[in-house]
Amino acid sequence: MTDRFDKPTLTRIINSGYPVEAKVTQIIALHELQRMHQLNEISNEIGHVIDAAKGN
């Protein structure tokens, strides 16, 4: 899984000319996106386990 909180991404957000509120919003959005991707990956893994169990 791609780490969306890598140093270059956070540095770009922090060094942007946007107000602090906008920077916080961007970081929260990245966090939420990462959580959604993690949940999707978990869902896919559970689906594979269920499919494998049905096949046996």
PDB file of N, CA and C in Angstrom:
ATOM      1  N   MET A   1       0.835  -1.176   0.000  1.00  0.00           N
ATOM      2  CA  MET A   1       0.000   0.000   0.000  1.00  0.00           C
ATOM      3  C   MET A   1       0.884   1.244   0.000  1.00  0.00           C
ATOM      4  N   THR A   2       0.476   2.230  -0.745  1.00  0.00           N
ATOM      5  CA  THR A   2       1.222   3.475  -0.834  1.00  0.00           C
ATOM      6  C   THR A   2       1.018   4.286   0.439  1.00  0.00           C
ATOM      7  N   ASP A   3       2.107   4.785   0.981  1.00  0.00           N
ATOM      8  CA  ASP A   3       2.023   5.629   2.165  1.00  0.00           C
ATOM      9  C   ASP A   3       1.786   7.057   1.713  1.00  0.00           C
ATOM     10  N   ARG A   4       0.599   7.582   1.970  1.00  0.00           N
ATOM     11  CA  ARG A   4       0.271   8.936   1.531  1.00  0.00           C
ATOM     12  C   ARG A   4       0.847  10.000   2.455  1.00  0.00           C
ATOM     13  N   PHE A   5       1.430   9.552   3.561  1.00  0.00           N
ATOM     14  CA  PHE A   5       2.021  10.492   4.489  1.00  0.00           C
ATOM     15  C   PHE A   5       3.535  10.502   4.354  1.00  0.00           C
ATOM     16  N   ASP A   6       3.992  10.340   3.122  1.00  0.00           N
ATOM     17  CA  ASP A   6       5.435  10.394   2.908  1.00  0.00           C
ATOM     18  C   ASP A   6       5.922  11.837   3.076  1.00  0.00           C
ATOM     19  N   LYS A   7       7.204  11.964   3.335  1.00  0.00           N
ATOM     20  CA  LYS A   7       7.784  13.277   3.636  1.00  0.00           C
ATOM     21  C   LYS A   7       7.584  14.299   2.515  1.00  0.00           C
ATOM     22  N   PRO A   8       7.801  13.938   1.230  1.00  0.00           N
ATOM     23  CA  PRO A   8       7.602  14.948   0.179  1.00  0.00           C
ATOM     24  C   PRO A   8       6.170  15.495   0.117  1.00  0.00           C
ATOM     25  N   THR A   9       5.194  14.614   0.316  1.00  0.00           N
ATOM     26  CA  THR A   9       3.797  15.064   0.267  1.00  0.00           C
ATOM     27  C   THR A   9       3.498  16.012   1.411  1.00  0.00           C
ATOM     28  N   LEU A  10       3.901  15.628   2.615  1.00  0.00           N
ATOM     29  CA  LEU A  10       3.655  16.500   3.764  1.00  0.00           C
ATOM     30  C   LEU A  10       4.434  17.810   3.650  1.00  0.00           C
ATOM     31  N   THR A  11       5.657  17.745   3.147  1.00  0.00           N
ATOM     32  CA  THR A  11       6.453  18.961   2.967  1.00  0.00           C
ATOM     33  C   THR A  11       5.773  19.902   1.979  1.00  0.00           C
ATOM     34  N   ARG A  12       5.242  19.339   0.892  1.00  0.00           N
ATOM     35  CA  ARG A  12       4.537  20.159  -0.100  1.00  0.00           C
ATOM     36  C   ARG A  12       3.329  20.852   0.527  1.00  0.00           C
ATOM     37  N   ILE A  13       2.573  20.111   1.325  1.00  0.00           N
ATOM     38  CA  ILE A  13       1.396  20.704   1.970  1.00  0.00           C
ATOM     39  C   ILE A  13       1.821  21.784   2.949  1.00  0.00           C
ATOM     40  N   ILE A  14       2.787  21.487   3.787  1.00  0.00           N
ATOM     41  CA  ILE A  14       3.221  22.433   4.815  1.00  0.00           C
ATOM     42  C   ILE A  14       3.815  23.689   4.200  1.00  0.00           C
ATOM     43  N   ASN A  15       4.575  23.547   3.123  1.00  0.00           N
ATOM     44  CA  ASN A  15       5.235  24.698   2.506  1.00  0.00           C
ATOM     45  C   ASN A  15       4.343  25.455   1.520  1.00  0.00           C
ATOM     46  N   SER A  16       3.128  24.960   1.307  1.00  0.00           N
ATOM     47  CA  SER A  16       2.232  25.667   0.385  1.00  0.00           C
ATOM     48  C   SER A  16       1.840  27.007   0.987  1.00  0.00           C
ATOM     49  N   GLY A  17       1.370  27.872   0.153  1.00  0.00           N
ATOM     50  CA  GLY A  17       0.985  29.206   0.614  1.00  0.00           C
ATOM     51  C   GLY A  17      -0.428  29.272   1.155  1.00  0.00           C
ATOM     52  N   TYR A  18      -1.060  28.120   1.317  1.00  0.00           N
ATOM     53  CA  TYR A  18      -2.441  28.096   1.786  1.00  0.00           C
ATOM     54  C   TYR A  18      -2.519  28.366   3.286  1.00  0.00           C
ATOM     55  N   PRO A  19      -3.672  28.847   3.747  1.00  0.00           N
ATOM     56  CA  PRO A  19      -3.849  29.056   5.191  1.00  0.00           C
ATOM     57  C   PRO A  19      -3.743  27.730   5.952  1.00  0.00           C
ATOM     58  N   VAL A  20      -3.459  27.825   7.236  1.00  0.00           N
ATOM     59  CA  VAL A  20      -3.296  26.635   8.075  1.00  0.00           C
ATOM     60  C   VAL A  20      -4.539  25.747   8.002  1.00  0.00           C
ATOM     61  N   GLU A  21      -5.707  26.347   7.979  1.00  0.00           N
ATOM     62  CA  GLU A  21      -6.950  25.567   7.930  1.00  0.00           C
ATOM     63  C   GLU A  21      -6.995  24.693   6.677  1.00  0.00           C
ATOM     64  N   ALA A  22      -6.546  25.222   5.561  1.00  0.00           N
ATOM     65  CA  ALA A  22      -6.529  24.456   4.314  1.00  0.00           C
ATOM     66  C   ALA A  22      -5.502  23.328   4.387  1.00  0.00           C
ATOM     67  N   LYS A  23      -4.374  23.592   5.017  1.00  0.00           N
ATOM     68  CA  LYS A  23      -3.343  22.549   5.164  1.00  0.00           C
ATOM     69  C   LYS A  23      -3.870  21.403   6.018  1.00  0.00           C
ATOM     70  N   VAL A  24      -4.535  21.746   7.112  1.00  0.00           N
ATOM     71  CA  VAL A  24      -5.110  20.723   7.988  1.00  0.00           C
ATOM     72  C   VAL A  24      -6.162  19.922   7.233  1.00  0.00           C
ATOM     73  N   THR A  25      -6.974  20.599   6.457  1.00  0.00           N
ATOM     74  CA  THR A  25      -8.009  19.924   5.668  1.00  0.00           C
ATOM     75  C   THR A  25      -7.386  18.951   4.675  1.00  0.00           C
ATOM     76  N   GLN A  26      -6.304  19.351   4.025  1.00  0.00           N
ATOM     77  CA  GLN A  26      -5.630  18.458   3.077  1.00  0.00           C
ATOM     78  C   GLN A  26      -5.074  17.220   3.782  1.00  0.00           C
ATOM     79  N   ILE A  27      -4.478  17.407   4.935  1.00  0.00           N
ATOM     80  CA  ILE A  27      -3.912  16.279   5.671  1.00  0.00           C
ATOM     81  C   ILE A  27      -5.017  15.343   6.152  1.00  0.00           C
ATOM     82  N   ILE A  28      -6.135  15.901   6.621  1.00  0.00           N
ATOM     83  CA  ILE A  28      -7.269  15.067   7.038  1.00  0.00           C
ATOM     84  C   ILE A  28      -7.820  14.290   5.853  1.00  0.00           C
ATOM     85  N   ALA A  29      -7.918  14.938   4.698  1.00  0.00           N
ATOM     86  CA  ALA A  29      -8.418  14.258   3.499  1.00  0.00           C
ATOM     87  C   ALA A  29      -7.490  13.106   3.108  1.00  0.00           C
ATOM     88  N   LEU A  30      -6.182  13.308   3.198  1.00  0.00           N
ATOM     89  CA  LEU A  30      -5.230  12.230   2.908  1.00  0.00           C
ATOM     90  C   LEU A  30      -5.417  11.069   3.871  1.00  0.00           C
ATOM     91  N   HIS A  31      -5.625  11.404   5.138  1.00  0.00           N
ATOM     92  CA  HIS A  31      -5.832  10.372   6.153  1.00  0.00           C
ATOM     93  C   HIS A  31      -7.089   9.562   5.843  1.00  0.00           C
ATOM     94  N   GLU A  32      -8.169  10.237   5.528  1.00  0.00           N
ATOM     95  CA  GLU A  32      -9.425   9.552   5.209  1.00  0.00           C
ATOM     96  C   GLU A  32      -9.280   8.687   3.959  1.00  0.00           C
ATOM     97  N   LEU A  33      -8.587   9.188   2.961  1.00  0.00           N
ATOM     98  CA  LEU A  33      -8.361   8.420   1.742  1.00  0.00           C
ATOM     99  C   LEU A  33      -7.551   7.160   2.039  1.00  0.00           C
ATOM    100  N   GLN A  34      -6.537   7.304   2.864  1.00  0.00           N
ATOM    101  CA  GLN A  34      -5.718   6.147   3.229  1.00  0.00           C
ATOM    102  C   GLN A  34      -6.556   5.122   3.981  1.00  0.00           C
ATOM    103  N   ARG A  35      -7.413   5.568   4.876  1.00  0.00           N
ATOM    104  CA  ARG A  35      -8.287   4.650   5.610  1.00  0.00           C
ATOM    105  C   ARG A  35      -9.229   3.916   4.666  1.00  0.00           C
ATOM    106  N   MET A  36      -9.779   4.629   3.697  1.00  0.00           N
ATOM    107  CA  MET A  36     -10.684   3.993   2.732  1.00  0.00           C
ATOM    108  C   MET A  36      -9.951   2.920   1.932  1.00  0.00           C
ATOM    109  N   HIS A  37      -8.727   3.213   1.526  1.00  0.00           N
ATOM    110  CA  HIS A  37      -7.934   2.229   0.782  1.00  0.00           C
ATOM    111  C   HIS A  37      -7.610   1.013   1.649  1.00  0.00           C
ATOM    112  N   GLN A  38      -7.289   1.248   2.912  1.00  0.00           N
ATOM    113  CA  GLN A  38      -6.996   0.143   3.817  1.00  0.00           C
ATOM    114  C   GLN A  38      -8.227  -0.745   4.002  1.00  0.00           C
ATOM    115  N   LEU A  39      -9.379  -0.125   4.198  1.00  0.00           N
ATOM    116  CA  LEU A  39     -10.620  -0.902   4.361  1.00  0.00           C
ATOM    117  C   LEU A  39     -10.951  -1.680   3.096  1.00  0.00           C
ATOM    118  N   ASN A  40     -10.692  -1.105   1.941  1.00  0.00           N
ATOM    119  CA  ASN A  40     -10.929  -1.789   0.683  1.00  0.00           C
ATOM    120  C   ASN A  40     -10.013  -3.000   0.542  1.00  0.00           C
ATOM    121  N   GLU A  41      -8.747  -2.840   0.922  1.00  0.00           N
ATOM    122  CA  GLU A  41      -7.804  -3.957   0.862  1.00  0.00           C
ATOM    123  C   GLU A  41      -8.223  -5.074   1.808  1.00  0.00           C
ATOM    124  N   ILE A  42      -8.664  -4.711   3.011  1.00  0.00           N
ATOM    125  CA  ILE A  42      -9.125  -5.711   3.972  1.00  0.00           C
ATOM    126  C   ILE A  42     -10.352  -6.433   3.428  1.00  0.00           C
ATOM    127  N   SER A  43     -11.258  -5.680   2.850  1.00  0.00           N
ATOM    128  CA  SER A  43     -12.462  -6.271   2.265  1.00  0.00           C
ATOM    129  C   SER A  43     -12.105  -7.262   1.160  1.00  0.00           C
ATOM    130  N   ASN A  44     -11.161  -6.900   0.329  1.00  0.00           N
ATOM    131  CA  ASN A  44     -10.725  -7.800  -0.740  1.00  0.00           C
ATOM    132  C   ASN A  44     -10.112  -9.077  -0.183  1.00  0.00           C
ATOM    133  N   GLU A  45      -9.289  -8.941   0.852  1.00  0.00           N
ATOM    134  CA  GLU A  45      -8.668 -10.115   1.466  1.00  0.00           C
ATOM    135  C   GLU A  45      -9.721 -11.032   2.073  1.00  0.00           C
ATOM    136  N   ILE A  46     -10.699 -10.454   2.757  1.00  0.00           N
ATOM    137  CA  ILE A  46     -11.774 -11.260   3.346  1.00  0.00           C
ATOM    138  C   ILE A  46     -12.541 -11.973   2.245  1.00  0.00           C
ATOM    139  N   GLY A  47     -12.789 -11.276   1.139  1.00  0.00           N
ATOM    140  CA  GLY A  47     -13.469 -11.892   0.004  1.00  0.00           C
ATOM    141  C   GLY A  47     -12.697 -13.078  -0.540  1.00  0.00           C
ATOM    142  N   HIS A  48     -11.375 -12.965  -0.619  1.00  0.00           N
ATOM    143  CA  HIS A  48     -10.540 -14.071  -1.107  1.00  0.00           C
ATOM    144  C   HIS A  48     -10.608 -15.260  -0.149  1.00  0.00           C
ATOM    145  N   VAL A  49     -10.585 -14.989   1.150  1.00  0.00           N
ATOM    146  CA  VAL A  49     -10.672 -16.056   2.133  1.00  0.00           C
ATOM    147  C   VAL A  49     -12.017 -16.764   2.033  1.00  0.00           C
ATOM    148  N   ILE A  50     -13.081 -16.011   1.895  1.00  0.00           N
ATOM    149  CA  ILE A  50     -14.417 -16.605   1.780  1.00  0.00           C
ATOM    150  C   ILE A  50     -14.507 -17.432   0.495  1.00  0.00           C
ATOM    151  N   ASP A  51     -14.003 -16.893  -0.604  1.00  0.00           N
ATOM    152  CA  ASP A  51     -14.029 -17.644  -1.870  1.00  0.00           C
ATOM    153  C   ASP A  51     -13.234 -18.931  -1.758  1.00  0.00           C
ATOM    154  N   ALA A  52     -12.081 -18.875  -1.096  1.00  0.00           N
ATOM    155  CA  ALA A  52     -11.257 -20.070  -0.930  1.00  0.00           C
ATOM    156  C   ALA A  52     -11.974 -21.099  -0.061  1.00  0.00           C
ATOM    157  N   ALA A  53     -12.650 -20.636   0.985  1.00  0.00           N
ATOM    158  CA  ALA A  53     -13.368 -21.552   1.878  1.00  0.00           C
ATOM    159  C   ALA A  53     -14.533 -22.209   1.155  1.00  0.00           C
ATOM    160  N   LYS A  54     -15.197 -21.477   0.290  1.00  0.00           N
ATOM    161  CA  LYS A  54     -16.304 -22.056  -0.490  1.00  0.00           C
ATOM    162  C   LYS A  54     -15.814 -23.106  -1.462  1.00  0.00           C
ATOM    163  N   GLY A  55     -14.608 -22.912  -1.952  1.00  0.00           N
ATOM    164  CA  GLY A  55     -14.047 -23.840  -2.930  1.00  0.00           C
ATOM    165  C   GLY A  55     -13.622 -25.166  -2.317  1.00  0.00           C
ATOM    166  N   ASN A  56     -13.433 -25.226  -1.021  1.00  0.00           N
ATOM    167  CA  ASN A  56     -12.952 -26.453  -0.365  1.00  0.00           C
ATOM    168  C   ASN A  56     -14.075 -27.321   0.102  1.00  0.00           C
TER     169      ASN A  56
END
